[in-house]
Amino acid sequence: MKSKALQELYVKIANCKCRCPGERKGAGLVRDRYNPDTGVVFLGEAPGGEEVKQGVPFVGQAGRKLDSYLELAGLSRKDVFIINSVKCRPTKNEGRANRKPTGCEVKACAHWLEQELEILSPRVIVTLGDVALRKFGGSKVRIGNYHGQPLVWNQIIVFPLYHPAAAIYRRALEDVIKEDFIKLGRWLKQNIKQ
């Protein structure tokens, strides 16, 4: 039932007529292929070029990082469902490079994300990076203040983590991210029966 509802939603997203500056390529096409009934949703920022090509979230270098971090938590992609805050690929340099989504793009996609989360009805949402965390904590929250600890915002359990790409650009975060994923794995075992 969730799979059918998600498929219908992704068709609507692909036909979105919003006027945000994001690239329309990939809208509604990048989505997880695993179990929407898992109860654990990982929320990222937006699809990148490789994600649009393959139609799957978190592939390429950041995806390989995520897979290794999931393993530290005792998880695989089959144990979680991965979605993005923004449904289109934000680009720079005439579409040659990815960029962080703007507030306008996040706001333009917010209703799609709300519908997606309503269908998924997760028990916990693991946010990856500032963009995803701000969905729950507002524009002033920073991942550096909240990472690695479960929070409850508006009756939703949120477990904030750094985005896997952060370790690519800031190598000093690698150990912090690994430890946070280990904490996530322990917390899930104690609190969310899978």
N, C-alpha and C. Protein backbone atom coordinates (compact mmCIF):
# COMPACT_ATOMS: atom_id res chain seq x y z
N MET A 1 0.82 -1.20 0.00
CA MET A 1 0.00 0.00 0.00
C MET A 1 0.87 1.27 0.00
N LYS A 2 1.91 1.29 0.87
CA LYS A 2 2.80 2.45 0.89
C LYS A 2 3.51 2.61 -0.45
N SER A 3 3.93 1.49 -1.03
CA SER A 3 4.66 1.55 -2.31
C SER A 3 3.80 2.19 -3.39
N LYS A 4 2.54 1.81 -3.44
CA LYS A 4 1.63 2.37 -4.45
C LYS A 4 1.42 3.87 -4.21
N ALA A 5 1.20 4.25 -2.96
CA ALA A 5 1.00 5.67 -2.62
C ALA A 5 2.25 6.48 -2.94
N LEU A 6 3.42 5.91 -2.65
CA LEU A 6 4.67 6.61 -2.97
C LEU A 6 4.83 6.77 -4.47
N GLN A 7 4.53 5.72 -5.23
CA GLN A 7 4.65 5.79 -6.69
C GLN A 7 3.75 6.90 -7.24
N GLU A 8 2.54 6.99 -6.73
CA GLU A 8 1.61 8.05 -7.18
C GLU A 8 2.16 9.43 -6.82
N LEU A 9 2.75 9.56 -5.63
CA LEU A 9 3.34 10.82 -5.23
C LEU A 9 4.51 11.20 -6.13
N TYR A 10 5.37 10.23 -6.46
CA TYR A 10 6.53 10.53 -7.29
C TYR A 10 6.13 10.95 -8.71
N VAL A 11 5.02 10.45 -9.19
CA VAL A 11 4.50 10.90 -10.49
C VAL A 11 4.10 12.37 -10.39
N LYS A 12 3.44 12.74 -9.30
CA LYS A 12 3.05 14.14 -9.10
C LYS A 12 4.29 15.03 -8.99
N ILE A 13 5.31 14.57 -8.26
CA ILE A 13 6.53 15.36 -8.12
C ILE A 13 7.19 15.56 -9.49
N ALA A 14 7.21 14.53 -10.30
CA ALA A 14 7.82 14.63 -11.63
C ALA A 14 7.11 15.67 -12.49
N ASN A 15 5.83 15.89 -12.22
CA ASN A 15 5.04 16.87 -12.98
C ASN A 15 4.90 18.21 -12.27
N CYS A 16 5.70 18.43 -11.22
CA CYS A 16 5.63 19.66 -10.45
C CYS A 16 5.89 20.88 -11.35
N LYS A 17 5.14 21.93 -11.11
CA LYS A 17 5.29 23.16 -11.91
C LYS A 17 5.82 24.33 -11.08
N CYS A 18 6.48 24.04 -9.96
CA CYS A 18 6.97 25.13 -9.12
C CYS A 18 8.04 25.92 -9.86
N ARG A 19 8.27 27.12 -9.41
CA ARG A 19 9.22 27.99 -10.10
C ARG A 19 10.49 28.20 -9.30
N CYS A 20 10.89 27.19 -8.57
CA CYS A 20 12.14 27.32 -7.83
C CYS A 20 13.31 27.23 -8.81
N PRO A 21 14.48 27.73 -8.41
CA PRO A 21 15.60 27.74 -9.35
C PRO A 21 16.28 26.39 -9.54
N GLY A 22 15.83 25.35 -8.86
CA GLY A 22 16.45 24.04 -9.01
C GLY A 22 16.26 23.47 -10.39
N GLU A 23 17.16 22.63 -10.79
CA GLU A 23 17.06 21.95 -12.07
C GLU A 23 15.90 20.96 -11.99
N ARG A 24 15.02 20.95 -12.98
CA ARG A 24 13.86 20.04 -12.95
C ARG A 24 14.28 18.60 -13.22
N LYS A 25 15.44 18.41 -13.78
CA LYS A 25 15.90 17.06 -14.08
C LYS A 25 15.99 16.25 -12.78
N GLY A 26 15.40 15.09 -12.82
CA GLY A 26 15.46 14.21 -11.65
C GLY A 26 14.28 14.33 -10.72
N ALA A 27 13.43 15.31 -10.88
CA ALA A 27 12.30 15.50 -9.97
C ALA A 27 11.40 14.27 -9.95
N GLY A 28 11.26 13.69 -8.78
CA GLY A 28 10.40 12.53 -8.63
C GLY A 28 11.00 11.22 -9.10
N LEU A 29 12.21 11.27 -9.66
CA LEU A 29 12.83 10.06 -10.19
C LEU A 29 13.81 9.43 -9.22
N VAL A 30 14.40 10.25 -8.34
CA VAL A 30 15.39 9.75 -7.40
C VAL A 30 14.67 9.30 -6.14
N ARG A 31 14.65 7.98 -5.93
CA ARG A 31 13.95 7.46 -4.76
C ARG A 31 14.54 6.11 -4.36
N ASP A 32 14.33 5.80 -3.11
CA ASP A 32 14.86 4.56 -2.57
C ASP A 32 14.14 3.37 -3.18
N ARG A 33 14.85 2.28 -3.28
CA ARG A 33 14.28 1.06 -3.86
C ARG A 33 13.99 -0.01 -2.80
N TYR A 34 14.19 0.34 -1.54
CA TYR A 34 14.04 -0.68 -0.50
C TYR A 34 12.70 -0.58 0.20
N ASN A 35 12.64 -1.05 1.42
CA ASN A 35 11.38 -1.24 2.13
C ASN A 35 10.84 0.04 2.77
N PRO A 36 9.72 0.57 2.27
CA PRO A 36 9.15 1.78 2.87
C PRO A 36 8.50 1.52 4.24
N ASP A 37 8.37 0.25 4.61
CA ASP A 37 7.75 -0.10 5.89
C ASP A 37 8.76 -0.24 7.03
N THR A 38 10.01 0.06 6.78
CA THR A 38 11.06 -0.16 7.77
C THR A 38 10.88 0.63 9.06
N GLY A 39 10.30 1.81 8.99
CA GLY A 39 10.11 2.64 10.18
C GLY A 39 11.27 3.57 10.46
N VAL A 40 12.38 3.40 9.74
CA VAL A 40 13.55 4.27 9.90
C VAL A 40 13.82 4.97 8.57
N VAL A 41 13.59 6.27 8.54
CA VAL A 41 13.79 7.06 7.33
C VAL A 41 15.04 7.91 7.48
N PHE A 42 15.92 7.84 6.49
CA PHE A 42 17.08 8.73 6.41
C PHE A 42 16.72 9.86 5.46
N LEU A 43 16.86 11.09 5.95
CA LEU A 43 16.51 12.27 5.17
C LEU A 43 17.76 13.04 4.78
N GLY A 44 18.04 13.10 3.49
CA GLY A 44 19.19 13.83 2.97
C GLY A 44 18.80 15.21 2.47
N GLU A 45 19.70 15.81 1.69
CA GLU A 45 19.48 17.16 1.17
C GLU A 45 18.73 17.15 -0.15
N ALA A 46 19.41 16.69 -1.20
CA ALA A 46 18.88 16.75 -2.55
C ALA A 46 19.66 15.77 -3.42
N PRO A 47 19.08 15.35 -4.54
CA PRO A 47 19.84 14.47 -5.42
C PRO A 47 20.98 15.22 -6.11
N GLY A 48 22.04 14.50 -6.38
CA GLY A 48 23.15 15.04 -7.17
C GLY A 48 23.10 14.47 -8.58
N GLY A 49 24.10 14.78 -9.36
CA GLY A 49 24.13 14.33 -10.75
C GLY A 49 24.11 12.82 -10.90
N GLU A 50 24.89 12.13 -10.10
CA GLU A 50 24.94 10.67 -10.18
C GLU A 50 23.62 10.05 -9.72
N GLU A 51 22.99 10.65 -8.71
CA GLU A 51 21.70 10.16 -8.23
C GLU A 51 20.64 10.28 -9.33
N VAL A 52 20.67 11.39 -10.05
CA VAL A 52 19.70 11.58 -11.14
C VAL A 52 19.93 10.54 -12.24
N LYS A 53 21.19 10.28 -12.56
CA LYS A 53 21.51 9.27 -13.59
C LYS A 53 21.00 7.89 -13.20
N GLN A 54 21.21 7.52 -11.94
CA GLN A 54 20.85 6.17 -11.50
C GLN A 54 19.45 6.07 -10.90
N GLY A 55 18.86 7.21 -10.53
CA GLY A 55 17.51 7.21 -9.97
C GLY A 55 17.44 6.74 -8.53
N VAL A 56 18.59 6.69 -7.84
CA VAL A 56 18.67 6.18 -6.47
C VAL A 56 19.39 7.21 -5.60
N PRO A 57 18.92 7.46 -4.37
CA PRO A 57 19.62 8.41 -3.50
C PRO A 57 20.94 7.85 -2.97
N PHE A 58 21.86 8.74 -2.74
CA PHE A 58 23.16 8.42 -2.13
C PHE A 58 23.91 7.32 -2.89
N VAL A 59 24.31 7.68 -4.09
CA VAL A 59 25.24 6.84 -4.85
C VAL A 59 26.50 7.68 -5.06
N GLY A 60 27.49 7.12 -5.64
CA GLY A 60 28.73 7.86 -5.80
C GLY A 60 29.52 7.87 -4.50
N GLN A 61 30.40 8.85 -4.36
CA GLN A 61 31.31 8.90 -3.22
C GLN A 61 30.56 9.02 -1.89
N ALA A 62 29.58 9.92 -1.80
CA ALA A 62 28.81 10.07 -0.56
C ALA A 62 28.02 8.80 -0.26
N GLY A 63 27.54 8.13 -1.27
CA GLY A 63 26.81 6.88 -1.08
C GLY A 63 27.69 5.77 -0.53
N ARG A 64 28.93 5.70 -1.03
CA ARG A 64 29.86 4.70 -0.50
C ARG A 64 30.17 4.99 0.97
N LYS A 65 30.31 6.27 1.30
CA LYS A 65 30.52 6.65 2.70
C LYS A 65 29.32 6.22 3.54
N LEU A 66 28.12 6.53 3.06
CA LEU A 66 26.91 6.18 3.80
C LEU A 66 26.85 4.67 4.03
N ASP A 67 27.15 3.88 3.02
CA ASP A 67 27.10 2.42 3.17
C ASP A 67 28.06 1.94 4.26
N SER A 68 29.26 2.52 4.29
CA SER A 68 30.23 2.10 5.31
C SER A 68 29.78 2.54 6.70
N TYR A 69 29.16 3.72 6.80
CA TYR A 69 28.65 4.19 8.09
C TYR A 69 27.46 3.34 8.56
N LEU A 70 26.59 2.98 7.63
CA LEU A 70 25.45 2.12 7.99
C LEU A 70 25.96 0.81 8.58
N GLU A 71 27.00 0.28 7.98
CA GLU A 71 27.59 -0.97 8.48
C GLU A 71 28.05 -0.82 9.93
N LEU A 72 28.64 0.34 10.27
CA LEU A 72 29.06 0.58 11.65
C LEU A 72 27.86 0.57 12.61
N ALA A 73 26.71 0.98 12.10
CA ALA A 73 25.49 1.00 12.91
C ALA A 73 24.79 -0.35 12.92
N GLY A 74 25.36 -1.33 12.21
CA GLY A 74 24.72 -2.64 12.13
C GLY A 74 23.54 -2.65 11.19
N LEU A 75 23.56 -1.74 10.20
CA LEU A 75 22.45 -1.58 9.26
C LEU A 75 22.94 -1.74 7.83
N SER A 76 21.99 -1.92 6.93
CA SER A 76 22.26 -1.84 5.50
C SER A 76 21.14 -0.98 4.90
N ARG A 77 21.22 -0.73 3.64
CA ARG A 77 20.16 0.06 3.00
C ARG A 77 18.80 -0.63 3.10
N LYS A 78 18.79 -1.92 3.21
CA LYS A 78 17.52 -2.65 3.32
C LYS A 78 16.83 -2.42 4.66
N ASP A 79 17.58 -1.89 5.63
CA ASP A 79 17.03 -1.63 6.96
C ASP A 79 16.47 -0.22 7.13
N VAL A 80 16.68 0.62 6.13
CA VAL A 80 16.25 2.02 6.20
C VAL A 80 15.59 2.40 4.88
N PHE A 81 14.94 3.55 4.86
CA PHE A 81 14.38 4.08 3.61
C PHE A 81 14.93 5.49 3.46
N ILE A 82 15.52 5.78 2.32
CA ILE A 82 16.24 7.05 2.12
C ILE A 82 15.44 7.98 1.20
N ILE A 83 15.25 9.22 1.66
CA ILE A 83 14.57 10.25 0.87
C ILE A 83 15.37 11.55 0.95
N ASN A 84 14.95 12.55 0.18
CA ASN A 84 15.63 13.85 0.18
C ASN A 84 14.65 14.98 0.50
N SER A 85 15.18 16.03 1.10
CA SER A 85 14.39 17.23 1.41
C SER A 85 13.93 17.93 0.14
N VAL A 86 14.84 18.05 -0.82
CA VAL A 86 14.56 18.71 -2.10
C VAL A 86 14.52 17.62 -3.17
N LYS A 87 13.55 17.71 -4.03
CA LYS A 87 13.32 16.64 -4.99
C LYS A 87 14.00 16.84 -6.34
N CYS A 88 14.52 18.03 -6.59
CA CYS A 88 15.25 18.33 -7.83
C CYS A 88 16.73 18.49 -7.53
N ARG A 89 17.53 18.42 -8.55
CA ARG A 89 18.97 18.56 -8.39
C ARG A 89 19.37 20.03 -8.41
N PRO A 90 19.84 20.60 -7.29
CA PRO A 90 20.36 21.97 -7.30
C PRO A 90 21.76 21.97 -7.94
N THR A 91 21.96 22.87 -8.90
CA THR A 91 23.23 22.89 -9.62
C THR A 91 23.87 24.27 -9.63
N LYS A 92 25.14 24.29 -9.99
CA LYS A 92 25.88 25.52 -10.25
C LYS A 92 26.78 25.26 -11.45
N ASN A 93 27.44 26.30 -11.92
CA ASN A 93 28.32 26.19 -13.09
C ASN A 93 27.60 25.59 -14.29
N GLU A 94 26.44 26.18 -14.58
CA GLU A 94 25.62 25.76 -15.73
C GLU A 94 25.28 24.27 -15.71
N GLY A 95 24.98 23.78 -14.52
CA GLY A 95 24.55 22.39 -14.37
C GLY A 95 25.66 21.37 -14.25
N ARG A 96 26.90 21.83 -14.23
CA ARG A 96 28.02 20.88 -14.16
C ARG A 96 28.34 20.41 -12.74
N ALA A 97 27.88 21.15 -11.73
CA ALA A 97 28.22 20.79 -10.35
C ALA A 97 26.98 20.87 -9.46
N ASN A 98 27.00 20.07 -8.40
CA ASN A 98 25.93 20.11 -7.41
C ASN A 98 26.19 21.28 -6.46
N ARG A 99 25.14 21.73 -5.79
CA ARG A 99 25.27 22.73 -4.74
C ARG A 99 24.23 22.45 -3.68
N LYS A 100 24.42 23.08 -2.53
CA LYS A 100 23.47 22.96 -1.43
C LYS A 100 22.15 23.64 -1.83
N PRO A 101 21.02 23.05 -1.51
CA PRO A 101 19.74 23.68 -1.85
C PRO A 101 19.54 25.01 -1.11
N THR A 102 18.90 25.94 -1.76
CA THR A 102 18.58 27.23 -1.13
C THR A 102 17.33 27.07 -0.27
N GLY A 103 17.11 28.05 0.59
CA GLY A 103 15.89 28.06 1.39
C GLY A 103 14.64 28.05 0.54
N CYS A 104 14.70 28.75 -0.58
CA CYS A 104 13.58 28.80 -1.52
C CYS A 104 13.27 27.41 -2.07
N GLU A 105 14.30 26.67 -2.42
CA GLU A 105 14.10 25.32 -2.96
C GLU A 105 13.55 24.37 -1.89
N VAL A 106 14.07 24.49 -0.69
CA VAL A 106 13.58 23.65 0.41
C VAL A 106 12.10 23.95 0.66
N LYS A 107 11.77 25.23 0.68
CA LYS A 107 10.37 25.63 0.91
C LYS A 107 9.46 25.15 -0.22
N ALA A 108 9.94 25.25 -1.47
CA ALA A 108 9.14 24.83 -2.62
C ALA A 108 8.84 23.33 -2.59
N CYS A 109 9.74 22.55 -2.03
CA CYS A 109 9.56 21.09 -1.97
C CYS A 109 8.96 20.62 -0.65
N ALA A 110 8.75 21.51 0.28
CA ALA A 110 8.30 21.11 1.62
C ALA A 110 7.00 20.32 1.59
N HIS A 111 6.06 20.72 0.74
CA HIS A 111 4.78 19.99 0.71
C HIS A 111 4.96 18.57 0.17
N TRP A 112 5.92 18.38 -0.74
CA TRP A 112 6.19 17.03 -1.24
C TRP A 112 6.78 16.17 -0.12
N LEU A 113 7.71 16.76 0.62
CA LEU A 113 8.34 16.03 1.72
C LEU A 113 7.30 15.67 2.78
N GLU A 114 6.41 16.60 3.10
CA GLU A 114 5.36 16.32 4.08
C GLU A 114 4.50 15.13 3.65
N GLN A 115 4.13 15.12 2.38
CA GLN A 115 3.30 14.01 1.87
C GLN A 115 4.07 12.69 1.92
N GLU A 116 5.35 12.74 1.57
CA GLU A 116 6.18 11.54 1.59
C GLU A 116 6.30 10.99 3.02
N LEU A 117 6.54 11.87 3.97
CA LEU A 117 6.66 11.44 5.36
C LEU A 117 5.32 10.92 5.90
N GLU A 118 4.23 11.53 5.46
CA GLU A 118 2.91 11.06 5.89
C GLU A 118 2.67 9.63 5.41
N ILE A 119 3.05 9.35 4.18
CA ILE A 119 2.89 8.00 3.64
C ILE A 119 3.79 7.01 4.38
N LEU A 120 5.03 7.40 4.60
CA LEU A 120 6.01 6.51 5.23
C LEU A 120 5.74 6.32 6.73
N SER A 121 5.20 7.32 7.37
CA SER A 121 4.94 7.33 8.82
C SER A 121 6.06 6.64 9.62
N PRO A 122 7.28 7.19 9.53
CA PRO A 122 8.41 6.55 10.20
C PRO A 122 8.35 6.67 11.71
N ARG A 123 9.01 5.75 12.38
CA ARG A 123 9.14 5.81 13.84
C ARG A 123 10.27 6.74 14.23
N VAL A 124 11.28 6.85 13.37
CA VAL A 124 12.39 7.77 13.61
C VAL A 124 12.88 8.29 12.26
N ILE A 125 13.27 9.57 12.25
CA ILE A 125 13.84 10.19 11.05
C ILE A 125 15.28 10.56 11.37
N VAL A 126 16.19 9.99 10.61
CA VAL A 126 17.61 10.29 10.75
C VAL A 126 17.94 11.36 9.74
N THR A 127 18.24 12.57 10.24
CA THR A 127 18.55 13.67 9.33
C THR A 127 20.04 13.66 9.03
N LEU A 128 20.38 13.89 7.78
CA LEU A 128 21.77 13.91 7.33
C LEU A 128 22.14 15.33 6.92
N GLY A 129 22.76 16.07 7.82
CA GLY A 129 23.20 17.43 7.53
C GLY A 129 22.21 18.50 7.95
N ASP A 130 22.67 19.76 7.79
CA ASP A 130 21.89 20.93 8.21
C ASP A 130 20.56 21.08 7.48
N VAL A 131 20.57 20.88 6.17
CA VAL A 131 19.34 21.10 5.39
C VAL A 131 18.22 20.21 5.91
N ALA A 132 18.51 18.94 6.11
CA ALA A 132 17.49 18.00 6.60
C ALA A 132 17.09 18.33 8.04
N LEU A 133 18.06 18.66 8.87
CA LEU A 133 17.77 18.97 10.28
C LEU A 133 16.86 20.19 10.41
N ARG A 134 17.04 21.18 9.57
CA ARG A 134 16.25 22.41 9.66
C ARG A 134 14.77 22.18 9.38
N LYS A 135 14.45 21.09 8.72
CA LYS A 135 13.04 20.75 8.51
C LYS A 135 12.32 20.64 9.85
N PHE A 136 13.03 20.20 10.87
CA PHE A 136 12.42 19.98 12.18
C PHE A 136 12.77 21.05 13.20
N GLY A 137 13.99 21.56 13.14
CA GLY A 137 14.45 22.50 14.16
C GLY A 137 14.43 23.95 13.75
N GLY A 138 14.09 24.25 12.50
CA GLY A 138 14.06 25.63 12.03
C GLY A 138 15.40 26.08 11.47
N SER A 139 15.41 27.27 10.92
CA SER A 139 16.57 27.77 10.17
C SER A 139 17.80 28.08 11.02
N LYS A 140 17.63 28.18 12.31
CA LYS A 140 18.76 28.55 13.16
C LYS A 140 19.56 27.35 13.69
N VAL A 141 19.02 26.13 13.57
CA VAL A 141 19.73 24.97 14.11
C VAL A 141 20.94 24.61 13.25
N ARG A 142 21.96 24.10 13.91
CA ARG A 142 23.19 23.68 13.24
C ARG A 142 23.50 22.24 13.66
N ILE A 143 23.87 21.44 12.71
CA ILE A 143 24.16 20.04 12.98
C ILE A 143 25.25 19.87 14.02
N GLY A 144 26.21 20.79 14.06
CA GLY A 144 27.30 20.71 15.04
C GLY A 144 26.83 20.75 16.48
N ASN A 145 25.64 21.29 16.71
CA ASN A 145 25.09 21.36 18.07
C ASN A 145 24.21 20.17 18.45
N TYR A 146 23.78 19.38 17.47
CA TYR A 146 22.78 18.36 17.73
C TYR A 146 23.16 16.95 17.30
N HIS A 147 24.25 16.79 16.60
CA HIS A 147 24.57 15.48 16.01
C HIS A 147 24.75 14.39 17.06
N GLY A 148 24.32 13.19 16.67
CA GLY A 148 24.56 12.02 17.51
C GLY A 148 23.68 11.85 18.73
N GLN A 149 22.58 12.60 18.78
CA GLN A 149 21.68 12.46 19.93
C GLN A 149 20.23 12.54 19.47
N PRO A 150 19.39 11.62 19.93
CA PRO A 150 17.98 11.65 19.52
C PRO A 150 17.26 12.84 20.15
N LEU A 151 16.36 13.43 19.39
CA LEU A 151 15.58 14.59 19.83
C LEU A 151 14.12 14.35 19.49
N VAL A 152 13.25 15.05 20.15
CA VAL A 152 11.84 15.01 19.80
C VAL A 152 11.41 16.42 19.45
N TRP A 153 10.98 16.59 18.20
CA TRP A 153 10.46 17.88 17.75
C TRP A 153 9.06 17.64 17.22
N ASN A 154 8.11 18.35 17.76
CA ASN A 154 6.70 18.21 17.33
C ASN A 154 6.27 16.74 17.31
N GLN A 155 6.60 16.02 18.36
CA GLN A 155 6.23 14.62 18.55
C GLN A 155 6.86 13.67 17.54
N ILE A 156 7.91 14.13 16.86
CA ILE A 156 8.63 13.29 15.90
C ILE A 156 10.02 13.03 16.46
N ILE A 157 10.43 11.75 16.48
CA ILE A 157 11.78 11.42 16.92
C ILE A 157 12.74 11.66 15.76
N VAL A 158 13.72 12.51 16.02
CA VAL A 158 14.71 12.87 15.01
C VAL A 158 16.09 12.53 15.57
N PHE A 159 16.91 11.87 14.75
CA PHE A 159 18.28 11.55 15.15
C PHE A 159 19.20 12.24 14.16
N PRO A 160 19.75 13.42 14.50
CA PRO A 160 20.58 14.18 13.57
C PRO A 160 21.99 13.61 13.43
N LEU A 161 22.45 13.52 12.20
CA LEU A 161 23.81 13.10 11.89
C LEU A 161 24.40 14.05 10.85
N TYR A 162 25.72 14.13 10.82
CA TYR A 162 26.37 14.86 9.74
C TYR A 162 26.07 14.16 8.42
N HIS A 163 26.03 14.93 7.36
CA HIS A 163 25.89 14.38 6.02
C HIS A 163 27.15 13.58 5.70
N PRO A 164 27.04 12.40 5.09
CA PRO A 164 28.23 11.61 4.78
C PRO A 164 29.28 12.36 3.96
N ALA A 165 28.85 13.28 3.12
CA ALA A 165 29.80 14.05 2.31
C ALA A 165 30.67 14.97 3.17
N ALA A 166 30.23 15.28 4.38
CA ALA A 166 31.01 16.16 5.25
C ALA A 166 32.41 15.59 5.49
N ALA A 167 32.51 14.27 5.58
CA ALA A 167 33.82 13.64 5.81
C ALA A 167 34.71 13.73 4.59
N ILE A 168 34.11 13.90 3.43
CA ILE A 168 34.89 14.05 2.19
C ILE A 168 35.55 15.42 2.16
N TYR A 169 34.79 16.44 2.58
CA TYR A 169 35.28 17.82 2.51
C TYR A 169 35.98 18.27 3.78
N ARG A 170 35.65 17.63 4.90
CA ARG A 170 36.28 17.96 6.19
C ARG A 170 36.71 16.66 6.85
N ARG A 171 37.87 16.19 6.50
CA ARG A 171 38.35 14.88 6.96
C ARG A 171 38.38 14.75 8.48
N ALA A 172 38.49 15.87 9.18
CA ALA A 172 38.52 15.84 10.65
C ALA A 172 37.20 15.33 11.22
N LEU A 173 36.14 15.34 10.44
CA LEU A 173 34.83 14.87 10.91
C LEU A 173 34.66 13.36 10.79
N GLU A 174 35.54 12.69 10.12
CA GLU A 174 35.39 11.25 9.87
C GLU A 174 35.14 10.47 11.16
N ASP A 175 35.97 10.66 12.17
CA ASP A 175 35.81 9.91 13.42
C ASP A 175 34.52 10.28 14.15
N VAL A 176 34.15 11.55 14.09
CA VAL A 176 32.90 12.00 14.72
C VAL A 176 31.71 11.32 14.05
N ILE A 177 31.72 11.28 12.74
CA ILE A 177 30.60 10.67 12.00
C ILE A 177 30.53 9.18 12.29
N LYS A 178 31.67 8.52 12.31
CA LYS A 178 31.68 7.08 12.62
C LYS A 178 31.09 6.82 14.01
N GLU A 179 31.53 7.59 14.99
CA GLU A 179 31.02 7.42 16.35
C GLU A 179 29.52 7.69 16.43
N ASP A 180 29.05 8.69 15.70
CA ASP A 180 27.62 9.00 15.69
C ASP A 180 26.80 7.86 15.10
N PHE A 181 27.31 7.22 14.05
CA PHE A 181 26.59 6.09 13.46
C PHE A 181 26.58 4.89 14.41
N ILE A 182 27.67 4.70 15.13
CA ILE A 182 27.70 3.64 16.14
C ILE A 182 26.65 3.93 17.21
N LYS A 183 26.56 5.19 17.66
CA LYS A 183 25.54 5.59 18.63
C LYS A 183 24.13 5.33 18.08
N LEU A 184 23.94 5.67 16.81
CA LEU A 184 22.63 5.44 16.19
C LEU A 184 22.27 3.96 16.23
N GLY A 185 23.21 3.11 15.87
CA GLY A 185 22.95 1.67 15.88
C GLY A 185 22.54 1.18 17.26
N ARG A 186 23.27 1.63 18.29
CA ARG A 186 22.94 1.24 19.67
C ARG A 186 21.55 1.74 20.05
N TRP A 187 21.29 3.00 19.73
CA TRP A 187 20.01 3.61 20.09
C TRP A 187 18.84 2.89 19.40
N LEU A 188 19.00 2.58 18.12
CA LEU A 188 17.94 1.88 17.40
C LEU A 188 17.66 0.50 18.02
N LYS A 189 18.72 -0.21 18.39
CA LYS A 189 18.54 -1.53 19.02
C LYS A 189 17.78 -1.43 20.33
N GLN A 190 18.03 -0.37 21.09
CA GLN A 190 17.37 -0.21 22.38
C GLN A 190 15.96 0.34 22.27
N ASN A 191 15.69 1.14 21.24
CA ASN A 191 14.43 1.89 21.20
C ASN A 191 13.50 1.56 20.04
N ILE A 192 14.04 1.11 18.93
CA ILE A 192 13.22 0.83 17.76
C ILE A 192 13.45 -0.62 17.37
N LYS A 193 12.53 -1.46 17.67
CA LYS A 193 12.66 -2.88 17.31
C LYS A 193 12.47 -3.02 15.82
N GLN A 194 13.47 -3.60 15.17
CA GLN A 194 13.37 -3.78 13.70
C GLN A 194 13.10 -5.22 13.36
